[in-house]
């Protein structure tokens, strides 16, 4: 099942540990604090348990959403890189 995991974690060290756990479970980063990928229900539970261990008692807001394949495939994406040498001003 397709999943989207998003988080808001103030502590840089803990945020890095959560990102590493997501990568360890095969999720791909889609935003700075968002990972997506295909995970079975058992892997979702295991990942969430691993994240709970890594967060411990630190402040965190972590949400895991599940999407049926049909809904996931119907999503819209806009991925656009800034032109080389372009100024942000």
Protein backbone atom coordinates (compact mmCIF):
# COMPACT_ATOMS: atom_id res chain seq x y z
CA UNK A 1 0.00 0.00 0.00
CA UNK A 2 1.28 3.46 -0.86
CA UNK A 3 2.16 5.58 2.18
CA UNK A 4 3.04 9.15 2.90
CA UNK A 5 4.90 9.94 6.12
CA UNK A 6 5.22 13.57 7.16
CA UNK A 7 6.78 15.02 10.26
CA UNK A 8 7.54 18.20 12.15
CA UNK A 9 10.43 17.63 14.55
CA UNK A 10 12.29 20.61 16.05
CA UNK A 11 15.39 18.65 17.14
CA UNK A 12 17.84 18.32 14.19
CA UNK A 13 19.45 15.12 15.50
CA UNK A 14 16.11 13.36 16.02
CA UNK A 15 14.83 14.62 12.66
CA UNK A 16 17.87 13.03 11.00
CA UNK A 17 17.27 9.73 12.80
CA UNK A 18 13.64 9.66 11.63
CA UNK A 19 14.72 10.42 8.05
CA UNK A 20 17.26 7.57 8.25
CA UNK A 21 14.55 5.17 9.45
CA UNK A 22 12.34 6.14 6.51
CA UNK A 23 15.20 5.52 4.09
CA UNK A 24 15.99 2.19 5.80
CA UNK A 25 12.41 1.07 5.06
CA UNK A 26 12.74 2.00 1.40
CA UNK A 27 10.76 5.22 1.43
CA UNK A 28 11.87 8.06 -0.82
CA UNK A 29 12.10 11.69 0.23
CA UNK A 30 9.49 13.78 -1.60
CA UNK A 31 9.88 16.96 0.49
CA UNK A 32 12.28 17.96 3.27
CA UNK A 33 10.02 16.41 5.93
CA UNK A 34 8.00 13.99 3.81
CA UNK A 35 8.68 10.47 2.60
CA UNK A 36 6.60 8.23 0.35
CA UNK A 37 6.66 4.64 -0.82
CA UNK A 38 5.05 1.25 -0.88
CA UNK A 39 4.88 -0.43 2.55
CA UNK A 40 2.87 -3.40 3.74
CA UNK A 41 0.78 -2.95 6.90
CA UNK A 42 3.34 -4.91 8.91
CA UNK A 43 6.19 -2.72 7.63
CA UNK A 44 4.14 0.40 8.42
CA UNK A 45 3.74 -0.79 12.01
CA UNK A 46 7.43 -1.68 12.26
CA UNK A 47 8.54 1.68 10.84
CA UNK A 48 6.24 3.60 13.17
CA UNK A 49 7.59 1.59 16.13
CA UNK A 50 11.16 2.34 15.06
CA UNK A 51 10.35 6.03 14.74
CA UNK A 52 8.77 6.06 18.22
CA UNK A 53 12.01 4.61 19.61
CA UNK A 54 14.15 7.19 17.84
CA UNK A 55 11.95 10.12 18.90
CA UNK A 56 11.80 8.92 22.52
CA UNK A 57 10.41 11.80 24.64
CA UNK A 58 11.34 14.62 22.22
CA UNK A 59 8.71 16.93 20.71
CA UNK A 60 7.40 15.57 17.40
CA UNK A 61 4.36 15.49 15.13
CA UNK A 62 4.56 12.46 12.86
CA UNK A 63 1.74 11.33 10.61
CA UNK A 64 1.52 8.27 8.38
CA UNK A 65 -1.14 8.17 5.68
CA UNK A 66 -2.12 5.13 3.61
CA UNK A 67 -3.49 5.40 0.08
CA UNK A 68 -5.00 2.75 -2.17
CA UNK A 69 -3.02 2.39 -5.40
CA UNK A 70 -5.83 3.95 -7.45
CA UNK A 71 -5.82 7.10 -5.31
CA UNK A 72 -2.01 7.27 -5.31
CA UNK A 73 -1.82 6.92 -9.09
CA UNK A 74 -4.38 9.72 -9.51
CA UNK A 75 -2.27 12.24 -7.56
CA UNK A 76 -0.92 15.29 -9.34
CA UNK A 77 2.70 16.33 -9.13
CA UNK A 78 4.63 19.40 -10.16
CA UNK A 79 8.35 18.96 -9.78
CA UNK A 80 10.28 21.89 -11.12
CA UNK A 81 13.91 22.82 -10.64
CA UNK A 82 15.03 26.42 -10.72
CA UNK A 83 16.90 27.35 -13.92
CA UNK A 84 20.71 27.25 -13.70
CA UNK A 85 22.14 30.60 -12.70
CA UNK A 86 18.74 32.12 -12.01
CA UNK A 87 18.53 34.59 -9.17
CA UNK A 88 15.92 34.28 -6.40
CA UNK A 89 15.44 38.08 -6.45
